[in-house]
Amino acid sequence: MINTLTSPLAALGRQILGMLAIVGKIAMFAFDTLTHLIRPPFYWREFGIQLIHIGWLSLPVVGLTTLFTGGALALQIYAGGARFNAESVVPSIVAIGMVRELGPVLAGLMVAARVASSIAAEIGTMKVTEQIDALVTLSTHPMKYLTLPRVLAATLAMPILVAVGDAIGIMGGYFVGISRLDFNSAAYLKNTVDFLELWDVSSGMIKGAAFGFIVATMGCFYGMNSGRGAQGVGSATKTAVVAASILILATNYLLTELFFSA
C-alpha cells in the first residue's frame, strides 16, 4: 500500500531532479562558453560565417513574421478600441506592442526555429561522424571553434534583427491603418513617433541579445550532447528548439517584470 502511494511521488521526484541536473549542465556549459571569450585564439572567419548565417539569412523570416503581425495587431486594436470610441490609440499601441514585446519575442521564436535546429543538427552530425574528435586531435578546442562563434554571433545579431523587425512590424500596422482603417498618413506617423520612447526600443534590443544567447547556447548544448545515430541527432534538434522557445518566453516575462514593473 505504501509503495503504491509513494511510487508516483518518487517518479515525480526523479523527473524534477533530472530537470535540475540539465539546468545545471546548461549553466556550466554557458559559463564555460563565456570563459573562452577571454582566452585566445578567436576564430574570426567562423564568427563571420555565423554572423551571416544567423543574422542576414534570418532577416526574411523575421521581416515577414513581424510585417503580418503588425498588420493583424492594427486590425485587432482598432476592432477593440471601436467599442470604447478609442480608435485613435491604434498607432501608439501597435508601436509600443511591437518594440516592447511582439518584435523581440517573435524574432526570438523564429530564429530559435531556424537557427537552434540548424546548430543542433550540424554539431550533432559532427559528433556522430567523429568530426569533433578530429578537432581535438588537431589541438582545436570544440567549444572555442564551434560554440563561441555561434553564441557570440547570435547575441550580436539578434538586437539588429529585433530593430529591423520592429520597424517592419510598425510599417505593417501603418499600411493597414491607412489602407483599411482610413487613418491619415501624417497623423498615424506622428502618433507613432510621439508615443515611442528610447527605452521602449532599447529594452526590446536588450531582450533580443538575451534571446540570441539562449538560442545559440541551446543549439550548441544539445548538439554537443546528442545521442548516436540519426535518431539521436533528430532528438537533439527537437529538444534544442523546444528548450530555446520555452526559455525565450520565460526570459521575456522576467525581463518585462524587471524593466516595466511599477
Protein backbone atom coordinates (compact mmCIF):
# COMPACT_ATOMS: atom_id res chain seq x y z
CA MET A 1 0.00 0.00 0.00
CA ILE A 2 2.79 2.40 0.93
CA ASN A 3 4.72 1.58 -2.24
CA THR A 4 1.60 2.27 -4.31
CA LEU A 5 1.25 5.73 -2.77
CA THR A 6 4.91 6.68 -2.94
CA SER A 7 5.67 5.44 -6.46
CA PRO A 8 4.08 8.47 -8.21
CA LEU A 9 5.93 10.82 -5.84
CA ALA A 10 9.20 9.02 -6.47
CA ALA A 11 8.68 9.26 -10.23
CA LEU A 12 7.90 12.98 -9.91
CA GLY A 13 10.99 13.48 -7.79
CA ARG A 14 13.17 11.75 -10.35
CA GLN A 15 11.77 13.99 -13.09
CA ILE A 16 12.44 17.13 -11.07
CA LEU A 17 15.98 16.05 -10.18
CA GLY A 18 16.61 15.22 -13.83
CA MET A 19 15.42 18.67 -14.89
CA LEU A 20 17.59 20.37 -12.26
CA ALA A 21 20.59 18.35 -13.43
CA ILE A 22 20.02 19.51 -17.02
CA VAL A 23 19.66 23.12 -15.86
CA GLY A 24 22.96 22.83 -14.03
CA LYS A 25 24.69 21.34 -17.06
CA ILE A 26 23.37 24.12 -19.31
CA ALA A 27 24.51 26.79 -16.84
CA MET A 28 28.00 25.27 -16.67
CA PHE A 29 28.08 24.98 -20.47
CA ALA A 30 27.12 28.66 -20.87
CA PHE A 31 29.71 29.75 -18.31
CA ASP A 32 32.40 27.67 -20.00
CA THR A 33 31.49 29.27 -23.33
CA LEU A 34 31.86 32.77 -21.90
CA THR A 35 35.25 31.98 -20.36
CA HIS A 36 36.60 31.13 -23.83
CA LEU A 37 35.79 34.71 -24.88
CA ILE A 38 38.82 36.00 -22.98
CA ARG A 39 41.15 33.17 -23.95
CA PRO A 40 42.86 33.21 -27.36
CA PRO A 41 42.67 32.23 -30.13
CA PHE A 42 39.45 33.58 -31.60
CA TYR A 43 38.27 32.22 -34.95
CA TRP A 44 37.19 35.36 -36.79
CA ARG A 45 36.36 33.60 -40.05
CA GLU A 46 33.98 31.19 -38.33
CA PHE A 47 32.44 34.13 -36.45
CA GLY A 48 31.83 36.00 -39.71
CA ILE A 49 30.22 32.96 -41.33
CA GLN A 50 27.88 32.50 -38.38
CA LEU A 51 27.05 36.21 -38.32
CA ILE A 52 25.81 35.96 -41.92
CA HIS A 53 24.02 32.66 -41.32
CA ILE A 54 22.28 33.73 -38.12
CA GLY A 55 21.74 37.42 -38.82
CA TRP A 56 21.44 38.16 -42.52
CA LEU A 57 19.79 34.89 -43.59
CA SER A 58 17.23 35.11 -40.77
CA LEU A 59 16.06 38.54 -41.90
CA PRO A 60 13.40 37.35 -44.42
CA VAL A 61 11.53 35.12 -41.97
CA VAL A 62 11.71 37.72 -39.20
CA GLY A 63 10.59 40.50 -41.56
CA LEU A 64 7.60 38.58 -42.93
CA THR A 65 6.53 37.47 -39.45
CA THR A 66 6.60 40.97 -37.98
CA LEU A 67 5.02 42.54 -41.08
CA PHE A 68 1.88 40.42 -40.91
CA THR A 69 1.79 40.57 -37.11
CA GLY A 70 1.87 44.38 -37.18
CA GLY A 71 -1.00 44.45 -39.67
CA ALA A 72 -3.07 41.96 -37.69
CA LEU A 73 -2.35 43.87 -34.47
CA ALA A 74 -3.64 47.09 -36.01
CA LEU A 75 -6.88 45.39 -37.05
CA GLN A 76 -7.41 43.84 -33.63
CA ILE A 77 -6.70 47.03 -31.70
CA TYR A 78 -9.00 49.01 -33.97
CA ALA A 79 -11.80 46.48 -33.50
CA GLY A 80 -11.35 46.53 -29.73
CA GLY A 81 -10.92 50.28 -29.49
CA ALA A 82 -14.09 50.88 -31.52
CA ARG A 83 -16.13 49.54 -28.60
CA PHE A 84 -14.92 52.45 -26.47
CA ASN A 85 -14.54 55.11 -29.18
CA ALA A 86 -10.76 54.82 -28.81
CA GLU A 87 -9.75 54.03 -32.38
CA SER A 88 -7.11 56.77 -32.27
CA VAL A 89 -4.88 54.67 -29.99
CA VAL A 90 -4.09 52.20 -32.77
CA PRO A 91 -0.75 53.78 -33.90
CA SER A 92 0.66 54.17 -30.41
CA ILE A 93 -0.32 50.71 -29.15
CA VAL A 94 0.92 49.00 -32.31
CA ALA A 95 4.28 50.75 -31.96
CA ILE A 96 4.66 50.07 -28.23
CA GLY A 97 3.43 46.50 -28.53
CA MET A 98 5.84 45.74 -31.34
CA VAL A 99 9.01 47.25 -29.85
CA ARG A 100 8.44 46.08 -26.28
CA GLU A 101 7.03 42.59 -26.72
CA LEU A 102 5.99 41.23 -30.08
CA GLY A 103 9.08 42.24 -32.04
CA PRO A 104 11.65 40.65 -29.69
CA VAL A 105 9.57 37.56 -28.90
CA LEU A 106 8.58 36.81 -32.49
CA ALA A 107 12.12 37.38 -33.74
CA GLY A 108 13.45 35.14 -30.96
CA LEU A 109 11.00 32.33 -31.69
CA MET A 110 11.57 32.48 -35.45
CA VAL A 111 15.34 32.45 -35.01
CA ALA A 112 15.00 29.61 -32.50
CA ALA A 113 13.07 27.55 -35.04
CA ARG A 114 15.58 28.29 -37.78
CA VAL A 115 18.93 28.60 -36.02
CA ALA A 116 18.72 26.42 -32.89
CA SER A 117 17.61 23.46 -35.00
CA SER A 118 20.33 24.11 -37.58
CA ILE A 119 23.09 24.42 -34.97
CA ALA A 120 21.97 21.32 -33.06
CA ALA A 121 21.72 19.25 -36.25
CA GLU A 122 25.09 20.46 -37.55
CA ILE A 123 27.04 19.91 -34.34
CA GLY A 124 25.16 16.67 -33.60
CA THR A 125 26.10 15.32 -37.02
CA MET A 126 29.71 16.36 -36.45
CA LYS A 127 29.67 14.43 -33.19
CA VAL A 128 28.16 11.32 -34.79
CA THR A 129 30.69 11.37 -37.63
CA GLU A 130 33.54 11.97 -35.12
CA GLN A 131 34.49 15.33 -36.64
CA ILE A 132 34.57 16.84 -33.14
CA ASP A 133 37.08 14.18 -32.10
CA ALA A 134 39.12 15.14 -35.15
CA LEU A 135 39.16 18.78 -33.96
CA VAL A 136 40.54 17.65 -30.61
CA THR A 137 43.19 15.59 -32.42
CA LEU A 138 44.20 18.75 -34.30
CA SER A 139 44.55 20.62 -30.96
CA THR A 140 41.44 22.73 -31.66
CA HIS A 141 39.07 23.18 -28.74
CA PRO A 142 35.50 22.35 -29.89
CA MET A 143 33.96 24.92 -27.57
CA LYS A 144 36.19 27.66 -28.92
CA TYR A 145 35.79 26.71 -32.59
CA LEU A 146 32.13 25.61 -32.70
CA THR A 147 30.28 27.11 -29.74
CA LEU A 148 31.79 30.53 -29.05
CA PRO A 149 31.47 31.97 -32.61
CA ARG A 150 27.84 30.85 -32.82
CA VAL A 151 26.86 32.18 -29.41
CA LEU A 152 28.63 35.50 -29.93
CA ALA A 153 27.21 35.93 -33.44
CA ALA A 154 23.65 35.22 -32.29
CA THR A 155 23.98 37.57 -29.31
CA LEU A 156 25.19 40.43 -31.52
CA ALA A 157 22.90 39.77 -34.49
CA MET A 158 19.62 39.42 -32.62
CA PRO A 159 19.31 43.05 -31.45
CA ILE A 160 19.72 44.18 -35.06
CA LEU A 161 17.12 41.66 -36.20
CA VAL A 162 14.77 42.90 -33.48
CA ALA A 163 15.24 46.53 -34.52
CA VAL A 164 14.57 45.71 -38.18
CA GLY A 165 11.60 43.54 -37.21
CA ASP A 166 10.17 46.36 -35.07
CA ALA A 167 10.39 48.79 -37.98
CA ILE A 168 8.79 46.32 -40.40
CA GLY A 169 6.04 45.47 -37.91
CA ILE A 170 5.20 49.14 -37.35
CA MET A 171 5.21 49.58 -41.12
CA GLY A 172 2.75 46.70 -41.44
CA GLY A 173 0.41 48.41 -38.99
CA TYR A 174 0.88 51.68 -40.87
CA PHE A 175 -0.08 50.16 -44.22
CA VAL A 176 -3.19 48.54 -42.74
CA GLY A 177 -4.08 51.75 -40.90
CA ILE A 178 -4.02 53.99 -43.95
CA SER A 179 -5.40 51.47 -46.46
CA ARG A 180 -8.03 49.62 -44.43
CA LEU A 181 -8.82 51.77 -41.40
CA ASP A 182 -8.91 55.23 -43.03
CA PHE A 183 -6.16 56.78 -40.92
CA ASN A 184 -4.44 59.90 -42.13
CA SER A 185 -0.86 59.03 -43.07
CA ALA A 186 0.79 62.02 -41.37
CA ALA A 187 -1.34 61.69 -38.22
CA TYR A 188 -0.56 57.98 -37.95
CA LEU A 189 3.18 58.58 -38.18
CA LYS A 190 3.01 61.47 -35.71
CA ASN A 191 1.18 59.37 -33.11
CA THR A 192 3.69 56.59 -33.57
CA VAL A 193 6.68 58.87 -33.02
CA ASP A 194 5.11 60.85 -30.16
CA PHE A 195 4.31 57.80 -28.02
CA LEU A 196 7.54 55.86 -28.54
CA GLU A 197 10.39 56.44 -26.09
CA LEU A 198 14.03 55.46 -26.40
CA TRP A 199 13.74 52.99 -23.54
CA ASP A 200 10.92 51.15 -25.34
CA VAL A 201 13.24 50.43 -28.26
CA SER A 202 16.31 49.79 -26.09
CA SER A 203 14.52 47.29 -23.86
CA GLY A 204 13.46 45.28 -26.89
CA MET A 205 17.02 45.16 -28.20
CA ILE A 206 18.32 44.03 -24.81
CA LYS A 207 15.74 41.25 -24.90
CA GLY A 208 16.95 40.39 -28.39
CA ALA A 209 20.53 39.96 -27.17
CA ALA A 210 19.36 37.68 -24.35
CA PHE A 211 17.24 35.63 -26.75
CA GLY A 212 20.12 35.28 -29.20
CA PHE A 213 22.36 33.98 -26.43
CA ILE A 214 19.68 31.47 -25.43
CA VAL A 215 19.07 30.25 -28.98
CA ALA A 216 22.71 29.61 -29.80
CA THR A 217 23.51 28.12 -26.40
CA MET A 218 20.63 25.64 -26.61
CA GLY A 219 21.59 24.64 -30.13
CA CYS A 220 25.23 24.10 -29.21
CA PHE A 221 24.50 22.34 -25.92
CA TYR A 222 22.09 19.79 -27.33
CA GLY A 223 24.23 19.33 -30.42
CA MET A 224 27.30 18.60 -28.30
CA ASN A 225 25.27 16.18 -26.14
CA SER A 226 23.29 14.47 -28.90
CA GLY A 227 22.94 10.72 -28.99
CA ARG A 228 24.47 8.46 -31.59
CA GLY A 229 22.84 7.92 -34.97
CA ALA A 230 20.15 9.76 -36.88
CA GLN A 231 17.63 9.32 -34.07
CA GLY A 232 19.95 10.98 -31.56
CA VAL A 233 20.57 13.95 -33.84
CA GLY A 234 16.84 14.33 -34.53
CA SER A 235 16.04 14.21 -30.82
CA ALA A 236 18.73 16.81 -30.05
CA THR A 237 17.37 19.11 -32.75
CA LYS A 238 13.82 18.86 -31.46
CA THR A 239 14.83 19.37 -27.83
CA ALA A 240 17.00 22.38 -28.70
CA VAL A 241 14.10 24.19 -30.37
CA VAL A 242 11.65 23.38 -27.58
CA ALA A 243 14.07 24.38 -24.82
CA ALA A 244 15.04 27.61 -26.59
CA SER A 245 11.39 28.58 -27.18
CA ILE A 246 10.38 27.96 -23.56
CA LEU A 247 13.40 29.82 -22.21
CA ILE A 248 12.71 32.76 -24.53
CA LEU A 249 9.14 33.10 -23.23
CA ALA A 250 10.22 32.72 -19.60
CA THR A 251 13.10 35.19 -20.01
CA ASN A 252 10.78 37.63 -21.75
CA TYR A 253 8.49 37.66 -18.72
CA LEU A 254 11.39 38.12 -16.30
CA LEU A 255 12.90 40.99 -18.31
CA THR A 256 9.50 42.65 -18.73
CA GLU A 257 8.98 42.43 -14.97
CA LEU A 258 12.43 43.92 -14.43
CA PHE A 259 12.09 46.73 -16.99
CA PHE A 260 8.47 47.79 -16.63
CA SER A 261 7.18 46.74 -13.19
CA ALA A 262 5.64 49.57 -11.25
